[in-house]
Amino acid sequence: MIDVTCDENDVIQQVFFLGGCNGNLQGISQLVRGQRIDDVIHHLDGIRCGAKNTSCPDQLCRALELLKQAPVTD
């Protein structure tokens, strides 16, 4: 599970991962904070973990794409 919060300008405010490699995911969370969603997707999309077709960074991109499509609520 990935919990992502961004502002009205699509700038990532915080990211929390449940599962995965805790240290690496804490690092990713810190690195993407303050970055624009499209920039993060550009850099992390398609990264694989070993023989797997995806990775935690790639799954973050999937979550960010869904977030971009979500309706804005007040």
PDB file of N, CA and C in Angstrom:
ATOM      1  N   MET A   1       0.842  -1.169   0.000  1.00  0.00           N
ATOM      2  CA  MET A   1       0.000   0.000   0.000  1.00  0.00           C
ATOM      3  C   MET A   1       0.892   1.238   0.000  1.00  0.00           C
ATOM      4  N   ILE A   2       0.452   2.243  -0.740  1.00  0.00           N
ATOM      5  CA  ILE A   2       1.177   3.505  -0.822  1.00  0.00           C
ATOM      6  C   ILE A   2       0.188   4.627  -0.546  1.00  0.00           C
ATOM      7  N   ASP A   3       0.533   5.493   0.390  1.00  0.00           N
ATOM      8  CA  ASP A   3      -0.295   6.656   0.727  1.00  0.00           C
ATOM      9  C   ASP A   3       0.475   7.899   0.301  1.00  0.00           C
ATOM     10  N   VAL A   4      -0.082   8.627  -0.668  1.00  0.00           N
ATOM     11  CA  VAL A   4       0.586   9.804  -1.233  1.00  0.00           C
ATOM     12  C   VAL A   4      -0.299  11.026  -1.040  1.00  0.00           C
ATOM     13  N   THR A   5       0.309  12.115  -0.624  1.00  0.00           N
ATOM     14  CA  THR A   5      -0.388  13.383  -0.509  1.00  0.00           C
ATOM     15  C   THR A   5       0.327  14.408  -1.387  1.00  0.00           C
ATOM     16  N   CYS A   6      -0.468  15.142  -2.184  1.00  0.00           N
ATOM     17  CA  CYS A   6       0.123  16.215  -2.979  1.00  0.00           C
ATOM     18  C   CYS A   6      -0.732  17.468  -2.840  1.00  0.00           C
ATOM     19  N   ASP A   7      -0.173  18.594  -3.260  1.00  0.00           N
ATOM     20  CA  ASP A   7      -0.920  19.845  -3.176  1.00  0.00           C
ATOM     21  C   ASP A   7      -1.640  20.107  -4.497  1.00  0.00           C
ATOM     22  N   GLU A   8      -2.295  21.256  -4.595  1.00  0.00           N
ATOM     23  CA  GLU A   8      -3.087  21.605  -5.777  1.00  0.00           C
ATOM     24  C   GLU A   8      -2.232  21.821  -7.022  1.00  0.00           C
ATOM     25  N   ASN A   9      -0.920  21.938  -6.857  1.00  0.00           N
ATOM     26  CA  ASN A   9      -0.002  22.106  -7.989  1.00  0.00           C
ATOM     27  C   ASN A   9       0.696  20.813  -8.375  1.00  0.00           C
ATOM     28  N   ASP A  10       0.183  19.682  -7.888  1.00  0.00           N
ATOM     29  CA  ASP A  10       0.768  18.356  -8.156  1.00  0.00           C
ATOM     30  C   ASP A  10       2.182  18.214  -7.614  1.00  0.00           C
ATOM     31  N   VAL A  11       2.453  18.881  -6.497  1.00  0.00           N
ATOM     32  CA  VAL A  11       3.733  18.730  -5.811  1.00  0.00           C
ATOM     33  C   VAL A  11       3.520  17.771  -4.648  1.00  0.00           C
ATOM     34  N   ILE A  12       4.356  16.743  -4.575  1.00  0.00           N
ATOM     35  CA  ILE A  12       4.221  15.704  -3.556  1.00  0.00           C
ATOM     36  C   ILE A  12       4.598  16.272  -2.195  1.00  0.00           C
ATOM     37  N   GLN A  13       3.713  16.103  -1.230  1.00  0.00           N
ATOM     38  CA  GLN A  13       3.931  16.580   0.125  1.00  0.00           C
ATOM     39  C   GLN A  13       4.497  15.480   1.021  1.00  0.00           C
ATOM     40  N   GLN A  14       3.963  14.249   0.886  1.00  0.00           N
ATOM     41  CA  GLN A  14       4.490  13.131   1.665  1.00  0.00           C
ATOM     42  C   GLN A  14       4.080  11.811   1.033  1.00  0.00           C
ATOM     43  N   VAL A  15       4.882  10.782   1.303  1.00  0.00           N
ATOM     44  CA  VAL A  15       4.630   9.433   0.806  1.00  0.00           C
ATOM     45  C   VAL A  15       4.909   8.457   1.932  1.00  0.00           C
ATOM     46  N   PHE A  16       3.978   7.531   2.144  1.00  0.00           N
ATOM     47  CA  PHE A  16       4.161   6.444   3.104  1.00  0.00           C
ATOM     48  C   PHE A  16       3.939   5.123   2.396  1.00  0.00           C
ATOM     49  N   PHE A  17       4.847   4.169   2.599  1.00  0.00           N
ATOM     50  CA  PHE A  17       4.726   2.827   2.048  1.00  0.00           C
ATOM     51  C   PHE A  17       4.427   1.854   3.174  1.00  0.00           C
ATOM     52  N   LEU A  18       3.611   0.856   2.894  1.00  0.00           N
ATOM     53  CA  LEU A  18       3.379  -0.245   3.814  1.00  0.00           C
ATOM     54  C   LEU A  18       3.921  -1.494   3.135  1.00  0.00           C
ATOM     55  N   GLY A  19       4.950  -2.097   3.724  1.00  0.00           N
ATOM     56  CA  GLY A  19       5.614  -3.240   3.107  1.00  0.00           C
ATOM     57  C   GLY A  19       6.839  -2.777   2.343  1.00  0.00           C
ATOM     58  N   GLY A  20       7.512  -3.714   1.716  1.00  0.00           N
ATOM     59  CA  GLY A  20       8.715  -3.384   0.960  1.00  0.00           C
ATOM     60  C   GLY A  20       9.923  -3.227   1.867  1.00  0.00           C
ATOM     61  N   CYS A  21      11.018  -2.767   1.302  1.00  0.00           N
ATOM     62  CA  CYS A  21      12.255  -2.568   2.050  1.00  0.00           C
ATOM     63  C   CYS A  21      12.195  -1.224   2.768  1.00  0.00           C
ATOM     64  N   ASN A  22      12.037  -1.246   4.057  1.00  0.00           N
ATOM     65  CA  ASN A  22      11.784  -0.043   4.841  1.00  0.00           C
ATOM     66  C   ASN A  22      12.812   1.063   4.599  1.00  0.00           C
ATOM     67  N   GLY A  23      14.085   0.742   4.648  1.00  0.00           N
ATOM     68  CA  GLY A  23      15.113   1.776   4.478  1.00  0.00           C
ATOM     69  C   GLY A  23      15.069   2.412   3.108  1.00  0.00           C
ATOM     70  N   ASN A  24      15.002   1.602   2.069  1.00  0.00           N
ATOM     71  CA  ASN A  24      14.948   2.147   0.707  1.00  0.00           C
ATOM     72  C   ASN A  24      13.696   2.986   0.495  1.00  0.00           C
ATOM     73  N   LEU A  25      12.582   2.526   1.037  1.00  0.00           N
ATOM     74  CA  LEU A  25      11.334   3.249   0.829  1.00  0.00           C
ATOM     75  C   LEU A  25      11.297   4.554   1.619  1.00  0.00           C
ATOM     76  N   GLN A  26      11.937   4.581   2.774  1.00  0.00           N
ATOM     77  CA  GLN A  26      12.059   5.854   3.488  1.00  0.00           C
ATOM     78  C   GLN A  26      12.888   6.832   2.666  1.00  0.00           C
ATOM     79  N   GLY A  27      13.937   6.326   2.042  1.00  0.00           N
ATOM     80  CA  GLY A  27      14.782   7.167   1.195  1.00  0.00           C
ATOM     81  C   GLY A  27      14.020   7.701  -0.004  1.00  0.00           C
ATOM     82  N   ILE A  28      13.280   6.837  -0.680  1.00  0.00           N
ATOM     83  CA  ILE A  28      12.478   7.272  -1.828  1.00  0.00           C
ATOM     84  C   ILE A  28      11.476   8.335  -1.384  1.00  0.00           C
ATOM     85  N   SER A  29      10.825   8.091  -0.247  1.00  0.00           N
ATOM     86  CA  SER A  29       9.839   9.047   0.265  1.00  0.00           C
ATOM     87  C   SER A  29      10.458  10.421   0.475  1.00  0.00           C
ATOM     88  N   GLN A  30      11.650  10.465   1.031  1.00  0.00           N
ATOM     89  CA  GLN A  30      12.330  11.741   1.264  1.00  0.00           C
ATOM     90  C   GLN A  30      12.748  12.402  -0.047  1.00  0.00           C
ATOM     91  N   LEU A  31      13.202  11.609  -0.997  1.00  0.00           N
ATOM     92  CA  LEU A  31      13.681  12.165  -2.262  1.00  0.00           C
ATOM     93  C   LEU A  31      12.566  12.741  -3.121  1.00  0.00           C
ATOM     94  N   VAL A  32      11.369  12.148  -3.059  1.00  0.00           N
ATOM     95  CA  VAL A  32      10.289  12.638  -3.917  1.00  0.00           C
ATOM     96  C   VAL A  32       9.497  13.772  -3.270  1.00  0.00           C
ATOM     97  N   ARG A  33       9.646  13.975  -1.964  1.00  0.00           N
ATOM     98  CA  ARG A  33       8.933  15.073  -1.296  1.00  0.00           C
ATOM     99  C   ARG A  33       9.375  16.399  -1.904  1.00  0.00           C
ATOM    100  N   GLY A  34       8.387  17.214  -2.280  1.00  0.00           N
ATOM    101  CA  GLY A  34       8.669  18.509  -2.891  1.00  0.00           C
ATOM    102  C   GLY A  34       8.830  18.455  -4.403  1.00  0.00           C
ATOM    103  N   GLN A  35       8.768  17.252  -4.982  1.00  0.00           N
ATOM    104  CA  GLN A  35       8.904  17.091  -6.428  1.00  0.00           C
ATOM    105  C   GLN A  35       7.533  17.076  -7.091  1.00  0.00           C
ATOM    106  N   ARG A  36       7.487  17.483  -8.340  1.00  0.00           N
ATOM    107  CA  ARG A  36       6.234  17.416  -9.098  1.00  0.00           C
ATOM    108  C   ARG A  36       5.956  15.979  -9.509  1.00  0.00           C
ATOM    109  N   ILE A  37       4.686  15.613  -9.512  1.00  0.00           N
ATOM    110  CA  ILE A  37       4.277  14.251  -9.849  1.00  0.00           C
ATOM    111  C   ILE A  37       4.866  13.814 -11.188  1.00  0.00           C
ATOM    112  N   ASP A  38       4.737  14.632 -12.222  1.00  0.00           N
ATOM    113  CA  ASP A  38       5.223  14.245 -13.552  1.00  0.00           C
ATOM    114  C   ASP A  38       6.728  14.020 -13.579  1.00  0.00           C
ATOM    115  N   ASP A  39       7.478  14.785 -12.796  1.00  0.00           N
ATOM    116  CA  ASP A  39       8.933  14.601 -12.739  1.00  0.00           C
ATOM    117  C   ASP A  39       9.291  13.259 -12.102  1.00  0.00           C
ATOM    118  N   VAL A  40       8.582  12.909 -11.030  1.00  0.00           N
ATOM    119  CA  VAL A  40       8.845  11.630 -10.363  1.00  0.00           C
ATOM    120  C   VAL A  40       8.507  10.475 -11.297  1.00  0.00           C
ATOM    121  N   ILE A  41       7.365  10.564 -11.969  1.00  0.00           N
ATOM    122  CA  ILE A  41       6.982   9.512 -12.917  1.00  0.00           C
ATOM    123  C   ILE A  41       8.032   9.387 -14.006  1.00  0.00           C
ATOM    124  N   HIS A  42       8.500  10.507 -14.516  1.00  0.00           N
ATOM    125  CA  HIS A  42       9.522  10.493 -15.576  1.00  0.00           C
ATOM    126  C   HIS A  42      10.785   9.743 -15.136  1.00  0.00           C
ATOM    127  N   HIS A  43      11.197   9.928 -13.897  1.00  0.00           N
ATOM    128  CA  HIS A  43      12.448   9.334 -13.413  1.00  0.00           C
ATOM    129  C   HIS A  43      12.302   7.887 -12.936  1.00  0.00           C
ATOM    130  N   LEU A  44      11.148   7.513 -12.409  1.00  0.00           N
ATOM    131  CA  LEU A  44      11.023   6.208 -11.751  1.00  0.00           C
ATOM    132  C   LEU A  44      10.197   5.179 -12.514  1.00  0.00           C
ATOM    133  N   ASP A  45       9.446   5.608 -13.509  1.00  0.00           N
ATOM    134  CA  ASP A  45       8.567   4.700 -14.243  1.00  0.00           C
ATOM    135  C   ASP A  45       9.350   3.590 -14.932  1.00  0.00           C
ATOM    136  N   GLY A  46       8.887   2.369 -14.739  1.00  0.00           N
ATOM    137  CA  GLY A  46       9.478   1.232 -15.435  1.00  0.00           C
ATOM    138  C   GLY A  46      10.643   0.561 -14.721  1.00  0.00           C
ATOM    139  N   ILE A  47      11.062   1.067 -13.579  1.00  0.00           N
ATOM    140  CA  ILE A  47      12.152   0.430 -12.834  1.00  0.00           C
ATOM    141  C   ILE A  47      11.689  -0.950 -12.382  1.00  0.00           C
ATOM    142  N   ARG A  48      12.543  -1.922 -12.553  1.00  0.00           N
ATOM    143  CA  ARG A  48      12.222  -3.298 -12.154  1.00  0.00           C
ATOM    144  C   ARG A  48      13.041  -3.697 -10.932  1.00  0.00           C
ATOM    145  N   CYS A  49      12.527  -4.675 -10.216  1.00  0.00           N
ATOM    146  CA  CYS A  49      13.223  -5.234  -9.051  1.00  0.00           C
ATOM    147  C   CYS A  49      13.600  -6.673  -9.398  1.00  0.00           C
ATOM    148  N   GLY A  50      14.868  -6.872  -9.723  1.00  0.00           N
ATOM    149  CA  GLY A  50      15.315  -8.214 -10.110  1.00  0.00           C
ATOM    150  C   GLY A  50      14.561  -8.706 -11.335  1.00  0.00           C
ATOM    151  N   ALA A  51      14.016  -9.912 -11.256  1.00  0.00           N
ATOM    152  CA  ALA A  51      13.282 -10.511 -12.374  1.00  0.00           C
ATOM    153  C   ALA A  51      11.816 -10.089 -12.399  1.00  0.00           C
ATOM    154  N   LYS A  52      11.383  -9.317 -11.418  1.00  0.00           N
ATOM    155  CA  LYS A  52       9.983  -8.880 -11.365  1.00  0.00           C
ATOM    156  C   LYS A  52       9.727  -7.833 -12.449  1.00  0.00           C
ATOM    157  N   ASN A  53       8.467  -7.729 -12.863  1.00  0.00           N
ATOM    158  CA  ASN A  53       8.094  -6.748 -13.884  1.00  0.00           C
ATOM    159  C   ASN A  53       7.890  -5.353 -13.327  1.00  0.00           C
ATOM    160  N   THR A  54       8.003  -5.191 -12.024  1.00  0.00           N
ATOM    161  CA  THR A  54       7.752  -3.914 -11.375  1.00  0.00           C
ATOM    162  C   THR A  54       8.674  -3.778 -10.166  1.00  0.00           C
ATOM    163  N   SER A  55       8.520  -2.690  -9.445  1.00  0.00           N
ATOM    164  CA  SER A  55       9.318  -2.426  -8.248  1.00  0.00           C
ATOM    165  C   SER A  55       8.537  -1.456  -7.379  1.00  0.00           C
ATOM    166  N   CYS A  56       9.035  -1.168  -6.204  1.00  0.00           N
ATOM    167  CA  CYS A  56       8.389  -0.165  -5.357  1.00  0.00           C
ATOM    168  C   CYS A  56       8.372   1.209  -6.032  1.00  0.00           C
ATOM    169  N   PRO A  57       9.483   1.672  -6.639  1.00  0.00           N
ATOM    170  CA  PRO A  57       9.421   2.959  -7.338  1.00  0.00           C
ATOM    171  C   PRO A  57       8.423   2.948  -8.503  1.00  0.00           C
ATOM    172  N   ASP A  58       8.352   1.838  -9.225  1.00  0.00           N
ATOM    173  CA  ASP A  58       7.399   1.724 -10.326  1.00  0.00           C
ATOM    174  C   ASP A  58       5.971   1.740  -9.801  1.00  0.00           C
ATOM    175  N   GLN A  59       5.719   1.089  -8.685  1.00  0.00           N
ATOM    176  CA  GLN A  59       4.382   1.093  -8.088  1.00  0.00           C
ATOM    177  C   GLN A  59       4.024   2.488  -7.582  1.00  0.00           C
ATOM    178  N   LEU A  60       4.997   3.237  -7.098  1.00  0.00           N
ATOM    179  CA  LEU A  60       4.747   4.620  -6.723  1.00  0.00           C
ATOM    180  C   LEU A  60       4.262   5.404  -7.939  1.00  0.00           C
ATOM    181  N   CYS A  61       4.857   5.168  -9.087  1.00  0.00           N
ATOM    182  CA  CYS A  61       4.413   5.835 -10.319  1.00  0.00           C
ATOM    183  C   CYS A  61       2.968   5.488 -10.628  1.00  0.00           C
ATOM    184  N   ARG A  62       2.584   4.229 -10.471  1.00  0.00           N
ATOM    185  CA  ARG A  62       1.186   3.829 -10.708  1.00  0.00           C
ATOM    186  C   ARG A  62       0.254   4.595  -9.768  1.00  0.00           C
ATOM    187  N   ALA A  63       0.657   4.701  -8.500  1.00  0.00           N
ATOM    188  CA  ALA A  63      -0.158   5.431  -7.518  1.00  0.00           C
ATOM    189  C   ALA A  63      -0.246   6.915  -7.888  1.00  0.00           C
ATOM    190  N   LEU A  64       0.846   7.489  -8.345  1.00  0.00           N
ATOM    191  CA  LEU A  64       0.852   8.897  -8.728  1.00  0.00           C
ATOM    192  C   LEU A  64      -0.032   9.143  -9.952  1.00  0.00           C
ATOM    193  N   GLU A  65      -0.026   8.214 -10.888  1.00  0.00           N
ATOM    194  CA  GLU A  65      -0.892   8.346 -12.059  1.00  0.00           C
ATOM    195  C   GLU A  65      -2.362   8.320 -11.641  1.00  0.00           C
ATOM    196  N   LEU A  66      -2.707   7.443 -10.706  1.00  0.00           N
ATOM    197  CA  LEU A  66      -4.080   7.398 -10.194  1.00  0.00           C
ATOM    198  C   LEU A  66      -4.429   8.693  -9.467  1.00  0.00           C
ATOM    199  N   LEU A  67      -3.492   9.207  -8.709  1.00  0.00           N
ATOM    200  CA  LEU A  67      -3.717  10.443  -7.971  1.00  0.00           C
ATOM    201  C   LEU A  67      -3.989  11.606  -8.930  1.00  0.00           C
ATOM    202  N   LYS A  68      -3.266  11.655 -10.034  1.00  0.00           N
ATOM    203  CA  LYS A  68      -3.471  12.713 -11.015  1.00  0.00           C
ATOM    204  C   LYS A  68      -4.875  12.660 -11.611  1.00  0.00           C
ATOM    205  N   GLN A  69      -5.438  11.454 -11.723  1.00  0.00           N
ATOM    206  CA  GLN A  69      -6.758  11.269 -12.323  1.00  0.00           C
ATOM    207  C   GLN A  69      -7.892  11.487 -11.328  1.00  0.00           C
ATOM    208  N   ALA A  70      -7.577  11.511 -10.039  1.00  0.00           N
ATOM    209  CA  ALA A  70      -8.608  11.641  -9.014  1.00  0.00           C
ATOM    210  C   ALA A  70      -9.232  13.039  -9.054  1.00  0.00           C
ATOM    211  N   PRO A  71     -10.534  13.096  -8.810  1.00  0.00           N
ATOM    212  CA  PRO A  71     -11.171  14.418  -8.776  1.00  0.00           C
ATOM    213  C   PRO A  71     -10.669  15.245  -7.591  1.00  0.00           C
ATOM    214  N   VAL A  72     -10.577  16.538  -7.779  1.00  0.00           N
ATOM    215  CA  VAL A  72     -10.132  17.445  -6.726  1.00  0.00           C
ATOM    216  C   VAL A  72     -11.298  17.688  -5.766  1.00  0.00           C
ATOM    217  N   THR A  73     -11.033  17.550  -4.465  1.00  0.00           N
ATOM    218  CA  THR A  73     -12.060  17.812  -3.454  1.00  0.00           C
ATOM    219  C   THR A  73     -11.572  18.902  -2.518  1.00  0.00           C
ATOM    220  N   ASP A  74     -12.489  19.640  -1.969  1.00  0.00           N
ATOM    221  CA  ASP A  74     -12.125  20.704  -1.015  1.00  0.00           C
ATOM    222  C   ASP A  74     -12.179  20.207   0.396  1.00  0.00           C
TER     223      ASP A  74
END
